Amino acid sequence: MSFLRKTRRRESCLDRRFPAAGFTLIELVVTLAVAAIIAAIAVPAMQSLINSGRLNSMAEELTTAMQLARSEAIRRATTVTMCGSANGTTCANGTDWSRWIIVGRDNAASDAAGAEVITVIRDSVMPAGMSLTGPAAGVHFNPSGLLNAETTVSACLPNATVPQNQRVVTVLISGSARSSKGSCS
């Protein structure tokens, strides 16, 4: 014989005060609307941050390339040139540097006629959407690592919404480079 009998579960006062957990449809829609508004505000700011990072990265790359050209001029004891190029092997006497190279004399090599051999030390292409302008004749580092005159190279991101969408790398006569912000014209 069983002393246990089945009883109905009694509803406690807690069950009446705290209904089933979860979100209502209205709460969910309001939450999604607030998230959409925050995203709409954050996306342009994030795009500006990304564009600024791209420009800073390009300015750093140019500064590093200038330092490489200077050190190669000193190491090779010859003039080394950083310039715009159309084909990646020779300088193209123009201000568009969408592709740029660093060239210098190879002291260990000569061609069949005994003439000096000019080698490409570095070849780089600008990322899509960015433009780079520099002096038409290029930047020439003397064997001492110095320049004859101060010069500038400018990286620009024309589609950027930031007011300062340009980075200008200035190479001093001493051969040292520095970067500053500006606006594309």
C-alpha atoms as a PDB file:
ATOM      1  CA  MET A   1       0.000   0.000   0.000  1.00  0.00           C
ATOM      2  CA  SER A   2       1.220   3.400  -0.875  1.00  0.00           C
ATOM      3  CA  PHE A   3       1.169   6.233   1.539  1.00  0.00           C
ATOM      4  CA  LEU A   4       1.947   8.753  -1.155  1.00  0.00           C
ATOM      5  CA  ARG A   5      -0.794  10.167  -3.139  1.00  0.00           C
ATOM      6  CA  LYS A   6      -0.715  12.442  -6.047  1.00  0.00           C
ATOM      7  CA  THR A   7      -1.547  15.987  -5.302  1.00  0.00           C
ATOM      8  CA  ARG A   8      -2.018  18.890  -7.534  1.00  0.00           C
ATOM      9  CA  ARG A   9       0.768  21.381  -7.601  1.00  0.00           C
ATOM     10  CA  ARG A  10      -0.276  24.463  -5.813  1.00  0.00           C
ATOM     11  CA  GLU A  11       0.423  27.801  -7.360  1.00  0.00           C
ATOM     12  CA  SER A  12       2.630  29.825  -5.096  1.00  0.00           C
ATOM     13  CA  CYS A  13       2.496  33.543  -4.679  1.00  0.00           C
ATOM     14  CA  LEU A  14       5.910  33.774  -6.445  1.00  0.00           C
ATOM     15  CA  ASP A  15       4.471  32.309  -9.646  1.00  0.00           C
ATOM     16  CA  ARG A  16       1.908  35.078  -9.811  1.00  0.00           C
ATOM     17  CA  ARG A  17       4.413  37.899  -9.218  1.00  0.00           C
ATOM     18  CA  PHE A  18       7.071  36.686 -11.698  1.00  0.00           C
ATOM     19  CA  PRO A  19       5.594  35.545 -14.980  1.00  0.00           C
ATOM     20  CA  ALA A  20       7.624  33.480 -17.463  1.00  0.00           C
ATOM     21  CA  ALA A  21      11.008  35.009 -18.348  1.00  0.00           C
ATOM     22  CA  GLY A  22      11.714  36.382 -21.855  1.00  0.00           C
ATOM     23  CA  PHE A  23      11.402  39.420 -24.074  1.00  0.00           C
ATOM     24  CA  THR A  24       8.293  40.761 -25.628  1.00  0.00           C
ATOM     25  CA  LEU A  25       8.241  41.647 -29.309  1.00  0.00           C
ATOM     26  CA  ILE A  26       8.085  45.357 -28.502  1.00  0.00           C
ATOM     27  CA  GLU A  27      11.161  45.151 -26.277  1.00  0.00           C
ATOM     28  CA  LEU A  28      13.046  43.343 -29.016  1.00  0.00           C
ATOM     29  CA  VAL A  29      12.073  45.899 -31.696  1.00  0.00           C
ATOM     30  CA  VAL A  30      13.073  48.823 -29.467  1.00  0.00           C
ATOM     31  CA  THR A  31      16.440  47.191 -28.722  1.00  0.00           C
ATOM     32  CA  LEU A  32      17.109  46.611 -32.422  1.00  0.00           C
ATOM     33  CA  ALA A  33      16.140  50.207 -33.248  1.00  0.00           C
ATOM     34  CA  VAL A  34      18.567  51.573 -30.647  1.00  0.00           C
ATOM     35  CA  ALA A  35      21.332  49.284 -31.969  1.00  0.00           C
ATOM     36  CA  ALA A  36      20.665  50.482 -35.545  1.00  0.00           C
ATOM     37  CA  ILE A  37      20.888  54.141 -34.492  1.00  0.00           C
ATOM     38  CA  ILE A  38      24.176  53.540 -32.683  1.00  0.00           C
ATOM     39  CA  ALA A  39      25.561  51.673 -35.711  1.00  0.00           C
ATOM     40  CA  ALA A  40      24.522  54.500 -38.046  1.00  0.00           C
ATOM     41  CA  ILE A  41      26.477  56.944 -35.905  1.00  0.00           C
ATOM     42  CA  ALA A  42      29.518  54.694 -35.450  1.00  0.00           C
ATOM     43  CA  VAL A  43      30.083  53.597 -39.073  1.00  0.00           C
ATOM     44  CA  PRO A  44      31.148  57.026 -40.461  1.00  0.00           C
ATOM     45  CA  ALA A  45      33.456  57.564 -37.496  1.00  0.00           C
ATOM     46  CA  MET A  46      34.961  54.123 -38.036  1.00  0.00           C
ATOM     47  CA  GLN A  47      35.466  54.827 -41.762  1.00  0.00           C
ATOM     48  CA  SER A  48      37.262  58.053 -40.877  1.00  0.00           C
ATOM     49  CA  LEU A  49      39.497  56.144 -38.475  1.00  0.00           C
ATOM     50  CA  ILE A  50      40.301  53.526 -41.133  1.00  0.00           C
ATOM     51  CA  ASN A  51      41.165  56.202 -43.733  1.00  0.00           C
ATOM     52  CA  SER A  52      43.384  58.016 -41.257  1.00  0.00           C
ATOM     53  CA  GLY A  53      45.154  54.736 -40.505  1.00  0.00           C
ATOM     54  CA  ARG A  54      45.700  54.062 -44.205  1.00  0.00           C
ATOM     55  CA  LEU A  55      47.229  57.505 -44.698  1.00  0.00           C
ATOM     56  CA  ASN A  56      49.461  57.185 -41.647  1.00  0.00           C
ATOM     57  CA  SER A  57      50.604  53.767 -42.839  1.00  0.00           C
ATOM     58  CA  MET A  58      51.496  55.158 -46.271  1.00  0.00           C
ATOM     59  CA  ALA A  59      53.405  58.054 -44.693  1.00  0.00           C
ATOM     60  CA  GLU A  60      55.360  55.568 -42.571  1.00  0.00           C
ATOM     61  CA  GLU A  61      56.124  53.455 -45.639  1.00  0.00           C
ATOM     62  CA  LEU A  62      57.377  56.517 -47.526  1.00  0.00           C
ATOM     63  CA  THR A  63      59.510  57.618 -44.590  1.00  0.00           C
ATOM     64  CA  THR A  64      60.999  54.133 -44.337  1.00  0.00           C
ATOM     65  CA  ALA A  65      61.681  54.089 -48.083  1.00  0.00           C
ATOM     66  CA  MET A  66      63.441  57.445 -47.844  1.00  0.00           C
ATOM     67  CA  GLN A  67      65.604  56.096 -45.017  1.00  0.00           C
ATOM     68  CA  LEU A  68      66.402  53.009 -47.114  1.00  0.00           C
ATOM     69  CA  ALA A  69      67.374  55.148 -50.121  1.00  0.00           C
ATOM     70  CA  ARG A  70      69.587  57.327 -47.934  1.00  0.00           C
ATOM     71  CA  SER A  71      71.330  54.374 -46.287  1.00  0.00           C
ATOM     72  CA  GLU A  72      71.849  52.680 -49.671  1.00  0.00           C
ATOM     73  CA  ALA A  73      73.416  55.880 -51.058  1.00  0.00           C
ATOM     74  CA  ILE A  74      75.866  55.919 -48.166  1.00  0.00           C
ATOM     75  CA  ARG A  75      76.540  52.155 -48.344  1.00  0.00           C
ATOM     76  CA  ARG A  76      77.057  52.091 -52.115  1.00  0.00           C
ATOM     77  CA  ALA A  77      78.924  55.431 -52.161  1.00  0.00           C
ATOM     78  CA  THR A  78      76.844  56.550 -55.122  1.00  0.00           C
ATOM     79  CA  THR A  79      73.705  58.537 -55.869  1.00  0.00           C
ATOM     80  CA  VAL A  80      70.466  56.659 -55.138  1.00  0.00           C
ATOM     81  CA  THR A  81      67.170  57.930 -56.514  1.00  0.00           C
ATOM     82  CA  MET A  82      63.593  57.436 -55.375  1.00  0.00           C
ATOM     83  CA  CYS A  83      61.179  58.266 -58.186  1.00  0.00           C
ATOM     84  CA  GLY A  84      57.866  57.525 -59.845  1.00  0.00           C
ATOM     85  CA  SER A  85      57.889  54.707 -62.387  1.00  0.00           C
ATOM     86  CA  ALA A  86      55.563  53.401 -65.076  1.00  0.00           C
ATOM     87  CA  ASN A  87      57.177  49.980 -65.518  1.00  0.00           C
ATOM     88  CA  GLY A  88      59.011  49.308 -62.243  1.00  0.00           C
ATOM     89  CA  THR A  89      62.474  49.381 -63.824  1.00  0.00           C
ATOM     90  CA  THR A  90      63.125  53.006 -64.816  1.00  0.00           C
ATOM     91  CA  CYS A  91      62.129  56.437 -63.577  1.00  0.00           C
ATOM     92  CA  ALA A  92      59.259  58.098 -65.426  1.00  0.00           C
ATOM     93  CA  ASN A  93      59.857  61.832 -65.312  1.00  0.00           C
ATOM     94  CA  GLY A  94      56.420  62.704 -63.930  1.00  0.00           C
ATOM     95  CA  THR A  95      54.811  63.764 -60.683  1.00  0.00           C
ATOM     96  CA  ASP A  96      52.467  60.738 -60.534  1.00  0.00           C
ATOM     97  CA  TRP A  97      54.079  58.223 -58.206  1.00  0.00           C
ATOM     98  CA  SER A  98      51.305  55.600 -58.175  1.00  0.00           C
ATOM     99  CA  ARG A  99      54.197  53.182 -58.655  1.00  0.00           C
ATOM    100  CA  TRP A 100      57.565  54.189 -57.308  1.00  0.00           C
ATOM    101  CA  ILE A 101      61.039  52.690 -57.244  1.00  0.00           C
ATOM    102  CA  ILE A 102      64.385  53.195 -55.578  1.00  0.00           C
ATOM    103  CA  VAL A 103      67.293  52.797 -58.004  1.00  0.00           C
ATOM    104  CA  GLY A 104      71.051  52.952 -57.600  1.00  0.00           C
ATOM    105  CA  ARG A 105      74.296  51.800 -59.174  1.00  0.00           C
ATOM    106  CA  ASP A 106      75.343  48.218 -58.483  1.00  0.00           C
ATOM    107  CA  ASN A 107      79.036  48.504 -57.597  1.00  0.00           C
ATOM    108  CA  ALA A 108      79.676  44.784 -58.031  1.00  0.00           C
ATOM    109  CA  ALA A 109      78.202  44.438 -61.531  1.00  0.00           C
ATOM    110  CA  SER A 110      78.823  45.847 -64.982  1.00  0.00           C
ATOM    111  CA  ASP A 111      77.349  44.998 -68.348  1.00  0.00           C
ATOM    112  CA  ALA A 112      79.226  43.502 -71.312  1.00  0.00           C
ATOM    113  CA  ALA A 113      80.451  46.909 -72.455  1.00  0.00           C
ATOM    114  CA  GLY A 114      81.813  47.673 -69.015  1.00  0.00           C
ATOM    115  CA  ALA A 115      79.200  50.324 -68.243  1.00  0.00           C
ATOM    116  CA  GLU A 116      77.707  50.666 -64.784  1.00  0.00           C
ATOM    117  CA  VAL A 117      74.558  48.719 -63.985  1.00  0.00           C
ATOM    118  CA  ILE A 118      71.625  50.504 -62.355  1.00  0.00           C
ATOM    119  CA  THR A 119      69.540  48.172 -60.196  1.00  0.00           C
ATOM    120  CA  VAL A 120      66.123  48.494 -58.656  1.00  0.00           C
ATOM    121  CA  ILE A 121      66.504  48.374 -54.889  1.00  0.00           C
ATOM    122  CA  ARG A 122      62.791  48.560 -54.146  1.00  0.00           C
ATOM    123  CA  ASP A 123      59.593  48.618 -56.221  1.00  0.00           C
ATOM    124  CA  SER A 124      56.237  49.573 -54.655  1.00  0.00           C
ATOM    125  CA  VAL A 125      52.718  50.199 -55.894  1.00  0.00           C
ATOM    126  CA  MET A 126      50.204  52.484 -54.199  1.00  0.00           C
ATOM    127  CA  PRO A 127      47.051  50.871 -52.766  1.00  0.00           C
ATOM    128  CA  ALA A 128      43.821  51.367 -54.693  1.00  0.00           C
ATOM    129  CA  GLY A 129      42.119  54.706 -54.130  1.00  0.00           C
ATOM    130  CA  MET A 130      45.257  56.509 -52.949  1.00  0.00           C
ATOM    131  CA  SER A 131      47.393  58.863 -54.972  1.00  0.00           C
ATOM    132  CA  LEU A 132      51.011  59.829 -54.508  1.00  0.00           C
ATOM    133  CA  THR A 133      52.746  62.854 -55.985  1.00  0.00           C
ATOM    134  CA  GLY A 134      56.403  63.725 -55.871  1.00  0.00           C
ATOM    135  CA  PRO A 135      59.004  65.716 -57.762  1.00  0.00           C
ATOM    136  CA  ALA A 136      59.189  64.840 -61.474  1.00  0.00           C
ATOM    137  CA  ALA A 137      62.941  64.281 -61.323  1.00  0.00           C
ATOM    138  CA  GLY A 138      62.701  62.155 -58.169  1.00  0.00           C
ATOM    139  CA  VAL A 139      64.501  62.448 -54.854  1.00  0.00           C
ATOM    140  CA  HIS A 140      68.286  62.077 -55.266  1.00  0.00           C
ATOM    141  CA  PHE A 141      70.388  61.087 -52.266  1.00  0.00           C
ATOM    142  CA  ASN A 142      74.093  61.919 -52.676  1.00  0.00           C
ATOM    143  CA  PRO A 143      76.791  59.431 -51.595  1.00  0.00           C
ATOM    144  CA  SER A 144      77.003  61.367 -48.322  1.00  0.00           C
ATOM    145  CA  GLY A 145      73.276  60.771 -47.692  1.00  0.00           C
ATOM    146  CA  LEU A 146      72.410  64.423 -48.201  1.00  0.00           C
ATOM    147  CA  LEU A 147      70.058  66.078 -50.697  1.00  0.00           C
ATOM    148  CA  ASN A 148      70.760  69.138 -52.809  1.00  0.00           C
ATOM    149  CA  ALA A 149      67.414  70.689 -51.824  1.00  0.00           C
ATOM    150  CA  GLU A 150      64.532  69.983 -49.469  1.00  0.00           C
ATOM    151  CA  THR A 151      61.700  68.115 -51.196  1.00  0.00           C
ATOM    152  CA  THR A 152      58.226  66.748 -50.447  1.00  0.00           C
ATOM    153  CA  VAL A 153      56.179  63.704 -51.425  1.00  0.00           C
ATOM    154  CA  SER A 154      52.398  63.776 -50.780  1.00  0.00           C
ATOM    155  CA  ALA A 155      50.026  60.844 -50.236  1.00  0.00           C
ATOM    156  CA  CYS A 156      46.354  61.661 -50.712  1.00  0.00           C
ATOM    157  CA  LEU A 157      43.104  59.758 -50.158  1.00  0.00           C
ATOM    158  CA  PRO A 158      40.660  61.892 -52.196  1.00  0.00           C
ATOM    159  CA  ASN A 159      37.478  59.994 -51.298  1.00  0.00           C
ATOM    160  CA  ALA A 160      38.041  60.331 -47.562  1.00  0.00           C
ATOM    161  CA  THR A 161      35.587  62.395 -45.567  1.00  0.00           C
ATOM    162  CA  VAL A 162      38.189  63.521 -43.072  1.00  0.00           C
ATOM    163  CA  PRO A 163      39.257  67.169 -43.368  1.00  0.00           C
ATOM    164  CA  GLN A 164      42.907  66.140 -43.242  1.00  0.00           C
ATOM    165  CA  ASN A 165      43.046  63.515 -45.972  1.00  0.00           C
ATOM    166  CA  GLN A 166      46.682  64.018 -46.969  1.00  0.00           C
ATOM    167  CA  ARG A 167      50.069  63.143 -45.513  1.00  0.00           C
ATOM    168  CA  VAL A 168      53.110  65.100 -46.657  1.00  0.00           C
ATOM    169  CA  VAL A 169      56.544  63.543 -46.204  1.00  0.00           C
ATOM    170  CA  THR A 170      59.202  66.244 -46.214  1.00  0.00           C
ATOM    171  CA  VAL A 171      62.805  65.217 -46.791  1.00  0.00           C
ATOM    172  CA  LEU A 172      65.238  67.753 -45.401  1.00  0.00           C
ATOM    173  CA  ILE A 173      68.622  68.531 -46.940  1.00  0.00           C
ATOM    174  CA  SER A 174      70.189  66.381 -44.208  1.00  0.00           C
ATOM    175  CA  GLY A 175      68.285  63.376 -45.601  1.00  0.00           C
ATOM    176  CA  SER A 176      65.982  62.956 -42.629  1.00  0.00           C
ATOM    177  CA  ALA A 177      62.253  62.670 -43.314  1.00  0.00           C
ATOM    178  CA  ARG A 178      59.246  63.869 -41.356  1.00  0.00           C
ATOM    179  CA  SER A 179      55.516  63.562 -41.926  1.00  0.00           C
ATOM    180  CA  SER A 180      52.720  66.103 -41.510  1.00  0.00           C
ATOM    181  CA  LYS A 181      48.969  66.275 -42.158  1.00  0.00           C
ATOM    182  CA  GLY A 182      47.229  68.328 -44.801  1.00  0.00           C
ATOM    183  CA  SER A 183      44.233  68.456 -47.124  1.00  0.00           C
ATOM    184  CA  CYS A 184      44.143  67.266 -50.721  1.00  0.00           C
ATOM    185  CA  SER A 185      43.592  70.086 -53.160  1.00  0.00           C
END
